[in-house]
Amino acid sequence: MKRIVTFESRHAKTMADLIRVRGYEPVTAPSMREVPLESNSEALAFGERLFAGGVDILLLLTGVGTRTLVEALQTKYPRERILDGLKKTKIVCRGPKPVRALNEMGVPFEAAVPEPNTWRQVLETFDKLKDRLPVQGRRVAVQEYGASNPDLLEGLKERGAELIVVPVYRWALPEDTRLLEEAVRQIVDRKVDAALFTTSIQIDHALAVAARTRLEAKFKKALGRLVIGSIGPDCSETLRSHGLRVDFEASPPKMGVLVEMLAKRLG
C-alpha cells in the first residue's frame, strides 16, 4: 500500500480520510498551530524601536510577512502611526510581493531586489546601493516570515549592519513536533511515496524541523524522489523557491481535488 504524507493541521482528519478512501495509507504530520497576532512580541518590540527612530533600514522579505507585521502592530498602535513610521524609514523589498503590500498601504520604498530574489540578490542590491544606502554602522531590521536565513543575516553582519531580526507569524510549529519529526525521518528513509502540501507555511515548517534535526539536505533530496502535490500557485511557488519539484497542482485549489489528482498520478 502506498503511503502519503500530509502536513495538514486543522483539517488533518479530513485529509487522512480522503487519502484512505483512495486506498492509500495516510501519514499525518500536523505542521502548524495558530498564534494570536498580539503574541508577536518581536514585532511589537520592533514597533517601539521604529517610533523612537531606532531603525535606519527595513528589509521586507515577504508580502504576507509585511502585512502580518502591520496587523500585529495594529493590536497595540493606531494604523496611521504605523504607516507614518514606515514612511520615515528607508525600506528595501525582496521582490514584488512586499512591493505590492507597501503599495496597498501607500508606503514608498527605496529599492526592490531583482529576480530570482534569493539572499544573494539581496546582498548584491545592498552592495550596489552602498553609496546611497550604506549598511555599515546602520540599524537594519529584517522582517522574517517562516524559516530564518542565516546566510543573509551573516552577509549583512559582514557588511557592518547592526541587525534587528523581526520574525512575524500567524502560524507557529506545533507544541509537540514528534509526528512532524517522524514524517521527516520516514521521507528520508524512503518509507513514503508522496507528499501533499496545502499551504506554504507547511513547507517552511517541515524544512525548519528537518534543519533542527540536521536532516535538511537529506530531506530535500528525498523529497525529490517523491510525488509532490501542491494545493495552488502560492504553495507551488514556495516549493520551487526551495528547489523542489511540483508534480501537480490542484485546480480548483481544494483538498478533494488534490487527492483526486494524486490518485490519477499514482494510478
C-alpha atoms as a PDB file:
ATOM      1  CA  MET A   1       0.000   0.000   0.000  1.00  0.00           C
ATOM      2  CA  LYS A   2       1.364   3.409  -0.984  1.00  0.00           C
ATOM      3  CA  ARG A   3       1.998   5.816   1.891  1.00  0.00           C
ATOM      4  CA  ILE A   4       1.154   9.511   1.583  1.00  0.00           C
ATOM      5  CA  VAL A   5       2.402  12.236   3.919  1.00  0.00           C
ATOM      6  CA  THR A   6       0.026  15.102   4.670  1.00  0.00           C
ATOM      7  CA  PHE A   7       1.159  18.141   6.639  1.00  0.00           C
ATOM      8  CA  GLU A   8      -2.389  19.422   7.169  1.00  0.00           C
ATOM      9  CA  SER A   9      -3.190  20.513  10.740  1.00  0.00           C
ATOM     10  CA  ARG A  10      -6.674  21.987  11.115  1.00  0.00           C
ATOM     11  CA  HIS A  11      -8.213  19.534   8.628  1.00  0.00           C
ATOM     12  CA  ALA A  12      -5.862  16.639   9.344  1.00  0.00           C
ATOM     13  CA  LYS A  13      -8.636  14.064   9.813  1.00  0.00           C
ATOM     14  CA  THR A  14     -10.465  15.121   6.648  1.00  0.00           C
ATOM     15  CA  MET A  15      -7.294  14.877   4.590  1.00  0.00           C
ATOM     16  CA  ALA A  16      -6.420  11.492   6.086  1.00  0.00           C
ATOM     17  CA  ASP A  17      -9.921  10.217   5.287  1.00  0.00           C
ATOM     18  CA  LEU A  18      -9.663  11.434   1.677  1.00  0.00           C
ATOM     19  CA  ILE A  19      -6.349   9.622   1.283  1.00  0.00           C
ATOM     20  CA  ARG A  20      -7.666   6.457   2.917  1.00  0.00           C
ATOM     21  CA  VAL A  21     -10.746   6.337   0.656  1.00  0.00           C
ATOM     22  CA  ARG A  22      -8.413   6.215  -2.343  1.00  0.00           C
ATOM     23  CA  GLY A  23      -6.760   3.105  -0.948  1.00  0.00           C
ATOM     24  CA  TYR A  24      -3.588   4.714   0.373  1.00  0.00           C
ATOM     25  CA  GLU A  25      -2.136   4.872   3.883  1.00  0.00           C
ATOM     26  CA  PRO A  26      -2.024   8.436   5.259  1.00  0.00           C
ATOM     27  CA  VAL A  27       0.984   9.563   7.280  1.00  0.00           C
ATOM     28  CA  THR A  28      -0.376  12.522   9.236  1.00  0.00           C
ATOM     29  CA  ALA A  29       2.170  15.134  10.308  1.00  0.00           C
ATOM     30  CA  PRO A  30       0.462  18.311  11.638  1.00  0.00           C
ATOM     31  CA  SER A  31       2.861  21.169  10.972  1.00  0.00           C
ATOM     32  CA  MET A  32       1.152  24.340  12.250  1.00  0.00           C
ATOM     33  CA  ARG A  33      -0.709  25.988  15.103  1.00  0.00           C
ATOM     34  CA  GLU A  34      -2.317  29.407  15.022  1.00  0.00           C
ATOM     35  CA  VAL A  35      -0.692  32.194  17.036  1.00  0.00           C
ATOM     36  CA  PRO A  36      -2.601  35.329  18.093  1.00  0.00           C
ATOM     37  CA  LEU A  37      -1.163  38.431  16.441  1.00  0.00           C
ATOM     38  CA  GLU A  38      -0.702  40.140  19.807  1.00  0.00           C
ATOM     39  CA  SER A  39       1.696  37.332  20.760  1.00  0.00           C
ATOM     40  CA  ASN A  40       4.229  38.584  18.187  1.00  0.00           C
ATOM     41  CA  SER A  41       6.466  40.097  20.852  1.00  0.00           C
ATOM     42  CA  GLU A  42       9.375  40.726  18.454  1.00  0.00           C
ATOM     43  CA  ALA A  43       7.084  42.660  16.127  1.00  0.00           C
ATOM     44  CA  LEU A  44       5.807  44.824  18.985  1.00  0.00           C
ATOM     45  CA  ALA A  45       9.381  45.458  20.153  1.00  0.00           C
ATOM     46  CA  PHE A  46      10.246  46.479  16.592  1.00  0.00           C
ATOM     47  CA  GLY A  47       7.355  48.970  16.696  1.00  0.00           C
ATOM     48  CA  GLU A  48       8.781  50.631  19.773  1.00  0.00           C
ATOM     49  CA  ARG A  49      12.169  50.999  18.078  1.00  0.00           C
ATOM     50  CA  LEU A  50      10.551  52.250  14.858  1.00  0.00           C
ATOM     51  CA  PHE A  51       8.627  55.024  16.623  1.00  0.00           C
ATOM     52  CA  ALA A  52      11.700  56.000  18.635  1.00  0.00           C
ATOM     53  CA  GLY A  53      13.765  56.452  15.456  1.00  0.00           C
ATOM     54  CA  GLY A  54      15.806  53.335  16.198  1.00  0.00           C
ATOM     55  CA  VAL A  55      15.550  51.743  12.733  1.00  0.00           C
ATOM     56  CA  ASP A  56      17.594  53.060   9.802  1.00  0.00           C
ATOM     57  CA  ILE A  57      16.737  50.454   7.169  1.00  0.00           C
ATOM     58  CA  LEU A  58      13.920  47.922   6.989  1.00  0.00           C
ATOM     59  CA  LEU A  59      14.335  44.843   4.773  1.00  0.00           C
ATOM     60  CA  LEU A  60      10.987  43.252   3.918  1.00  0.00           C
ATOM     61  CA  LEU A  61      11.330  39.652   2.757  1.00  0.00           C
ATOM     62  CA  THR A  62       7.730  38.613   2.047  1.00  0.00           C
ATOM     63  CA  GLY A  63       4.396  40.184   1.194  1.00  0.00           C
ATOM     64  CA  VAL A  64       2.498  38.083   3.736  1.00  0.00           C
ATOM     65  CA  GLY A  65       5.056  38.936   6.409  1.00  0.00           C
ATOM     66  CA  THR A  66       4.807  42.638   5.601  1.00  0.00           C
ATOM     67  CA  ARG A  67       1.030  42.614   6.048  1.00  0.00           C
ATOM     68  CA  THR A  68       1.255  40.460   9.175  1.00  0.00           C
ATOM     69  CA  LEU A  69       3.830  42.816  10.695  1.00  0.00           C
ATOM     70  CA  VAL A  70       1.483  45.787  10.253  1.00  0.00           C
ATOM     71  CA  GLU A  71      -1.504  43.800  11.551  1.00  0.00           C
ATOM     72  CA  ALA A  72       0.478  42.711  14.611  1.00  0.00           C
ATOM     73  CA  LEU A  73       1.471  46.319  15.327  1.00  0.00           C
ATOM     74  CA  GLN A  74      -2.166  47.354  14.978  1.00  0.00           C
ATOM     75  CA  THR A  75      -3.006  45.278  18.071  1.00  0.00           C
ATOM     76  CA  LYS A  76      -1.171  47.980  20.049  1.00  0.00           C
ATOM     77  CA  TYR A  77      -0.806  51.082  17.867  1.00  0.00           C
ATOM     78  CA  PRO A  78      -3.049  53.108  15.511  1.00  0.00           C
ATOM     79  CA  ARG A  79      -2.595  52.189  11.843  1.00  0.00           C
ATOM     80  CA  GLU A  80      -1.879  55.806  10.893  1.00  0.00           C
ATOM     81  CA  ARG A  81       1.048  55.940  13.336  1.00  0.00           C
ATOM     82  CA  ILE A  82       2.458  52.678  11.974  1.00  0.00           C
ATOM     83  CA  LEU A  83       2.294  53.807   8.348  1.00  0.00           C
ATOM     84  CA  ASP A  84       3.799  57.163   9.258  1.00  0.00           C
ATOM     85  CA  GLY A  85       6.699  55.393  10.957  1.00  0.00           C
ATOM     86  CA  LEU A  86       7.268  53.198   7.906  1.00  0.00           C
ATOM     87  CA  LYS A  87       7.182  56.198   5.577  1.00  0.00           C
ATOM     88  CA  LYS A  88      10.045  57.741   7.568  1.00  0.00           C
ATOM     89  CA  THR A  89      12.177  54.604   7.191  1.00  0.00           C
ATOM     90  CA  LYS A  90      14.270  53.534   4.218  1.00  0.00           C
ATOM     91  CA  ILE A  91      12.743  50.256   3.016  1.00  0.00           C
ATOM     92  CA  VAL A  92      14.209  47.583   0.746  1.00  0.00           C
ATOM     93  CA  CYS A  93      11.852  44.914  -0.634  1.00  0.00           C
ATOM     94  CA  ARG A  94      12.863  41.401  -1.650  1.00  0.00           C
ATOM     95  CA  GLY A  95      10.874  41.131  -4.841  1.00  0.00           C
ATOM     96  CA  PRO A  96       7.389  42.146  -5.974  1.00  0.00           C
ATOM     97  CA  LYS A  97       5.239  40.815  -3.123  1.00  0.00           C
ATOM     98  CA  PRO A  98       6.462  43.195  -0.405  1.00  0.00           C
ATOM     99  CA  VAL A  99       6.298  45.976  -3.017  1.00  0.00           C
ATOM    100  CA  ARG A 100       2.648  45.126  -3.658  1.00  0.00           C
ATOM    101  CA  ALA A 101       1.895  45.137   0.067  1.00  0.00           C
ATOM    102  CA  LEU A 102       3.508  48.563   0.521  1.00  0.00           C
ATOM    103  CA  ASN A 103       1.667  49.972  -2.489  1.00  0.00           C
ATOM    104  CA  GLU A 104      -1.618  48.867  -0.931  1.00  0.00           C
ATOM    105  CA  MET A 105      -0.668  50.833   2.193  1.00  0.00           C
ATOM    106  CA  GLY A 106       0.646  53.874   0.329  1.00  0.00           C
ATOM    107  CA  VAL A 107       4.146  53.432   1.755  1.00  0.00           C
ATOM    108  CA  PRO A 108       7.140  54.224  -0.508  1.00  0.00           C
ATOM    109  CA  PHE A 109      10.284  52.072  -0.685  1.00  0.00           C
ATOM    110  CA  GLU A 110      13.906  52.723  -1.520  1.00  0.00           C
ATOM    111  CA  ALA A 111      14.713  49.679  -3.667  1.00  0.00           C
ATOM    112  CA  ALA A 112      13.386  46.302  -4.832  1.00  0.00           C
ATOM    113  CA  VAL A 113      15.613  43.241  -5.143  1.00  0.00           C
ATOM    114  CA  PRO A 114      15.578  41.749  -8.682  1.00  0.00           C
ATOM    115  CA  GLU A 115      14.725  38.150  -9.548  1.00  0.00           C
ATOM    116  CA  PRO A 116      15.329  35.446  -8.557  1.00  0.00           C
ATOM    117  CA  ASN A 117      15.103  37.309  -5.222  1.00  0.00           C
ATOM    118  CA  THR A 118      17.415  34.994  -3.267  1.00  0.00           C
ATOM    119  CA  TRP A 119      19.581  36.121  -0.357  1.00  0.00           C
ATOM    120  CA  ARG A 120      22.434  36.574  -2.840  1.00  0.00           C
ATOM    121  CA  GLN A 121      20.467  39.159  -4.838  1.00  0.00           C
ATOM    122  CA  VAL A 122      19.530  40.906  -1.572  1.00  0.00           C
ATOM    123  CA  LEU A 123      23.186  41.320  -0.634  1.00  0.00           C
ATOM    124  CA  GLU A 124      24.110  42.323  -4.206  1.00  0.00           C
ATOM    125  CA  THR A 125      21.410  45.009  -4.070  1.00  0.00           C
ATOM    126  CA  PHE A 126      22.830  46.456  -0.865  1.00  0.00           C
ATOM    127  CA  ASP A 127      26.323  46.394  -2.392  1.00  0.00           C
ATOM    128  CA  LYS A 128      25.095  48.325  -5.437  1.00  0.00           C
ATOM    129  CA  LEU A 129      23.383  50.857  -3.183  1.00  0.00           C
ATOM    130  CA  LYS A 130      26.268  51.232  -0.718  1.00  0.00           C
ATOM    131  CA  ASP A 131      26.854  54.911  -1.568  1.00  0.00           C
ATOM    132  CA  ARG A 132      23.171  55.857  -1.353  1.00  0.00           C
ATOM    133  CA  LEU A 133      22.068  53.309   1.244  1.00  0.00           C
ATOM    134  CA  PRO A 134      25.066  52.067   3.260  1.00  0.00           C
ATOM    135  CA  VAL A 135      24.502  49.383   5.886  1.00  0.00           C
ATOM    136  CA  GLN A 136      27.841  49.904   7.636  1.00  0.00           C
ATOM    137  CA  GLY A 137      27.030  51.031  11.179  1.00  0.00           C
ATOM    138  CA  ARG A 138      23.304  51.233  10.392  1.00  0.00           C
ATOM    139  CA  ARG A 139      20.463  49.623  12.327  1.00  0.00           C
ATOM    140  CA  VAL A 140      18.958  47.214   9.800  1.00  0.00           C
ATOM    141  CA  ALA A 141      15.682  45.483  10.679  1.00  0.00           C
ATOM    142  CA  VAL A 142      14.998  42.241   8.795  1.00  0.00           C
ATOM    143  CA  GLN A 143      11.376  41.078   8.622  1.00  0.00           C
ATOM    144  CA  GLU A 144      11.250  37.298   8.598  1.00  0.00           C
ATOM    145  CA  TYR A 145       8.260  35.077   7.906  1.00  0.00           C
ATOM    146  CA  GLY A 146       8.848  31.362   8.218  1.00  0.00           C
ATOM    147  CA  ALA A 147      12.382  29.984   8.384  1.00  0.00           C
ATOM    148  CA  SER A 148      15.299  32.318   9.105  1.00  0.00           C
ATOM    149  CA  ASN A 149      18.063  32.733   6.522  1.00  0.00           C
ATOM    150  CA  PRO A 150      21.465  32.555   8.252  1.00  0.00           C
ATOM    151  CA  ASP A 151      23.391  33.299   5.035  1.00  0.00           C
ATOM    152  CA  LEU A 152      21.531  36.580   4.565  1.00  0.00           C
ATOM    153  CA  LEU A 153      21.951  37.612   8.189  1.00  0.00           C
ATOM    154  CA  GLU A 154      25.647  36.741   8.200  1.00  0.00           C
ATOM    155  CA  GLY A 155      26.157  38.653   4.950  1.00  0.00           C
ATOM    156  CA  LEU A 156      24.586  41.780   6.432  1.00  0.00           C
ATOM    157  CA  LYS A 157      26.709  41.432   9.579  1.00  0.00           C
ATOM    158  CA  GLU A 158      29.846  41.139   7.455  1.00  0.00           C
ATOM    159  CA  ARG A 159      28.882  44.430   5.811  1.00  0.00           C
ATOM    160  CA  GLY A 160      28.748  46.108   9.219  1.00  0.00           C
ATOM    161  CA  ALA A 161      24.994  46.172   9.826  1.00  0.00           C
ATOM    162  CA  GLU A 162      23.581  46.252  13.340  1.00  0.00           C
ATOM    163  CA  LEU A 163      20.855  43.654  12.888  1.00  0.00           C
ATOM    164  CA  ILE A 164      17.350  43.763  14.326  1.00  0.00           C
ATOM    165  CA  VAL A 165      15.680  40.464  13.423  1.00  0.00           C
ATOM    166  CA  VAL A 166      11.894  40.734  13.366  1.00  0.00           C
ATOM    167  CA  PRO A 167      10.185  37.337  12.997  1.00  0.00           C
ATOM    168  CA  VAL A 168       6.451  37.724  12.450  1.00  0.00           C
ATOM    169  CA  TYR A 169       3.956  34.920  12.125  1.00  0.00           C
ATOM    170  CA  ARG A 170       0.349  33.869  12.247  1.00  0.00           C
ATOM    171  CA  TRP A 171       1.385  30.252  12.460  1.00  0.00           C
ATOM    172  CA  ALA A 172       3.980  28.530  14.609  1.00  0.00           C
ATOM    173  CA  LEU A 173       5.213  24.974  14.826  1.00  0.00           C
ATOM    174  CA  PRO A 174       3.034  22.621  16.870  1.00  0.00           C
ATOM    175  CA  GLU A 175       3.972  22.500  20.535  1.00  0.00           C
ATOM    176  CA  ASP A 176       4.577  18.772  20.037  1.00  0.00           C
ATOM    177  CA  THR A 177       6.566  18.196  16.836  1.00  0.00           C
ATOM    178  CA  ARG A 178       7.142  14.461  17.214  1.00  0.00           C
ATOM    179  CA  LEU A 179       4.764  13.472  14.387  1.00  0.00           C
ATOM    180  CA  LEU A 180       6.362  16.045  12.095  1.00  0.00           C
ATOM    181  CA  GLU A 181       9.856  14.869  13.004  1.00  0.00           C
ATOM    182  CA  GLU A 182       8.837  11.256  12.380  1.00  0.00           C
ATOM    183  CA  ALA A 183       7.402  12.162   8.961  1.00  0.00           C
ATOM    184  CA  VAL A 184      10.686  13.863   8.039  1.00  0.00           C
ATOM    185  CA  ARG A 185      12.600  10.730   9.037  1.00  0.00           C
ATOM    186  CA  GLN A 186      10.236   8.462   7.093  1.00  0.00           C
ATOM    187  CA  ILE A 187      10.687  10.594   3.976  1.00  0.00           C
ATOM    188  CA  VAL A 188      14.475  10.488   4.379  1.00  0.00           C
ATOM    189  CA  ASP A 189      14.327   6.702   4.906  1.00  0.00           C
ATOM    190  CA  ARG A 190      12.257   6.250   1.704  1.00  0.00           C
ATOM    191  CA  LYS A 191       9.226   4.889   3.543  1.00  0.00           C
ATOM    192  CA  VAL A 192       6.827   7.314   1.823  1.00  0.00           C
ATOM    193  CA  ASP A 193       5.610   7.520  -1.783  1.00  0.00           C
ATOM    194  CA  ALA A 194       4.132  11.034  -1.998  1.00  0.00           C
ATOM    195  CA  ALA A 195       3.749  14.283  -0.060  1.00  0.00           C
ATOM    196  CA  LEU A 196       0.841  16.733  -0.172  1.00  0.00           C
ATOM    197  CA  PHE A 197       1.194  20.412   0.782  1.00  0.00           C
ATOM    198  CA  THR A 198      -1.830  22.644   1.338  1.00  0.00           C
ATOM    199  CA  THR A 199      -0.110  25.868   2.489  1.00  0.00           C
ATOM    200  CA  SER A 200       3.287  27.488   2.046  1.00  0.00           C
ATOM    201  CA  ILE A 201       3.854  27.521   5.804  1.00  0.00           C
ATOM    202  CA  GLN A 202       3.768  23.718   5.883  1.00  0.00           C
ATOM    203  CA  ILE A 203       6.802  23.693   3.597  1.00  0.00           C
ATOM    204  CA  ASP A 204       8.715  26.189   5.732  1.00  0.00           C
ATOM    205  CA  HIS A 205       7.896  24.319   8.923  1.00  0.00           C
ATOM    206  CA  ALA A 206       8.823  20.897   7.526  1.00  0.00           C
ATOM    207  CA  LEU A 207      12.170  22.299   6.350  1.00  0.00           C
ATOM    208  CA  ALA A 208      12.699  24.012   9.713  1.00  0.00           C
ATOM    209  CA  VAL A 209      12.160  20.747  11.585  1.00  0.00           C
ATOM    210  CA  ALA A 210      14.439  18.928   9.153  1.00  0.00           C
ATOM    211  CA  ALA A 211      17.131  21.553   9.769  1.00  0.00           C
ATOM    212  CA  ARG A 212      16.648  21.317  13.528  1.00  0.00           C
ATOM    213  CA  THR A 213      17.228  17.565  13.347  1.00  0.00           C
ATOM    214  CA  ARG A 214      20.192  18.067  10.984  1.00  0.00           C
ATOM    215  CA  LEU A 215      18.402  16.341   8.120  1.00  0.00           C
ATOM    216  CA  GLU A 216      17.608  19.304   5.853  1.00  0.00           C
ATOM    217  CA  ALA A 217      19.873  18.326   2.932  1.00  0.00           C
ATOM    218  CA  LYS A 218      18.797  14.669   3.073  1.00  0.00           C
ATOM    219  CA  PHE A 219      15.152  15.710   3.447  1.00  0.00           C
ATOM    220  CA  LYS A 220      15.197  17.951   0.375  1.00  0.00           C
ATOM    221  CA  LYS A 221      16.986  15.275  -1.649  1.00  0.00           C
ATOM    222  CA  ALA A 222      14.447  12.670  -0.525  1.00  0.00           C
ATOM    223  CA  LEU A 223      11.524  14.940  -1.447  1.00  0.00           C
ATOM    224  CA  GLY A 224      12.946  14.997  -4.952  1.00  0.00           C
ATOM    225  CA  ARG A 225      12.250  11.270  -5.196  1.00  0.00           C
ATOM    226  CA  LEU A 226       8.600  11.578  -4.118  1.00  0.00           C
ATOM    227  CA  VAL A 227       5.486  12.591  -5.997  1.00  0.00           C
ATOM    228  CA  ILE A 228       4.725  16.088  -4.681  1.00  0.00           C
ATOM    229  CA  GLY A 229       1.283  17.672  -4.849  1.00  0.00           C
ATOM    230  CA  SER A 230       0.508  21.337  -4.216  1.00  0.00           C
ATOM    231  CA  ILE A 231      -2.838  22.937  -3.370  1.00  0.00           C
ATOM    232  CA  GLY A 232      -2.254  26.014  -5.551  1.00  0.00           C
ATOM    233  CA  PRO A 233       0.081  28.620  -7.110  1.00  0.00           C
ATOM    234  CA  ASP A 234       1.417  30.209  -3.895  1.00  0.00           C
ATOM    235  CA  CYS A 235       2.225  26.823  -2.425  1.00  0.00           C
ATOM    236  CA  SER A 236       3.867  25.739  -5.684  1.00  0.00           C
ATOM    237  CA  GLU A 237       5.938  28.913  -5.794  1.00  0.00           C
ATOM    238  CA  THR A 238       7.240  28.271  -2.283  1.00  0.00           C
ATOM    239  CA  LEU A 239       8.158  24.685  -3.140  1.00  0.00           C
ATOM    240  CA  ARG A 240      10.047  25.803  -6.239  1.00  0.00           C
ATOM    241  CA  SER A 241      11.788  28.593  -4.303  1.00  0.00           C
ATOM    242  CA  HIS A 242      13.326  25.846  -2.157  1.00  0.00           C
ATOM    243  CA  GLY A 243      14.456  23.970  -5.263  1.00  0.00           C
ATOM    244  CA  LEU A 244      11.685  21.383  -5.012  1.00  0.00           C
ATOM    245  CA  ARG A 245       9.747  19.982  -7.954  1.00  0.00           C
ATOM    246  CA  VAL A 246       5.951  20.245  -8.134  1.00  0.00           C
ATOM    247  CA  ASP A 247       4.413  17.244  -9.900  1.00  0.00           C
ATOM    248  CA  PHE A 248       0.845  18.529  -9.908  1.00  0.00           C
ATOM    249  CA  GLU A 249      -1.221  21.436  -8.634  1.00  0.00           C
ATOM    250  CA  ALA A 250      -4.862  21.223  -7.588  1.00  0.00           C
ATOM    251  CA  SER A 251      -7.301  23.196  -9.722  1.00  0.00           C
ATOM    252  CA  PRO A 252      -9.548  24.356  -8.185  1.00  0.00           C
ATOM    253  CA  PRO A 253      -7.432  24.530  -5.001  1.00  0.00           C
ATOM    254  CA  LYS A 254      -9.335  22.065  -2.825  1.00  0.00           C
ATOM    255  CA  MET A 255      -8.158  19.109  -0.774  1.00  0.00           C
ATOM    256  CA  GLY A 256     -10.520  16.693  -2.522  1.00  0.00           C
ATOM    257  CA  VAL A 257      -9.207  17.739  -5.923  1.00  0.00           C
ATOM    258  CA  LEU A 258      -5.626  17.463  -4.664  1.00  0.00           C
ATOM    259  CA  VAL A 259      -6.136  13.863  -3.556  1.00  0.00           C
ATOM    260  CA  GLU A 260      -8.043  13.017  -6.748  1.00  0.00           C
ATOM    261  CA  MET A 261      -5.121  14.292  -8.833  1.00  0.00           C
ATOM    262  CA  LEU A 262      -2.739  12.291  -6.674  1.00  0.00           C
ATOM    263  CA  ALA A 263      -4.727   9.125  -7.396  1.00  0.00           C
ATOM    264  CA  LYS A 264      -4.544   9.804 -11.141  1.00  0.00           C
ATOM    265  CA  ARG A 265      -0.810  10.375 -10.838  1.00  0.00           C
ATOM    266  CA  LEU A 266      -0.115   7.221  -8.837  1.00  0.00           C
ATOM    267  CA  GLY A 267      -2.582   5.080 -10.764  1.00  0.00           C
END
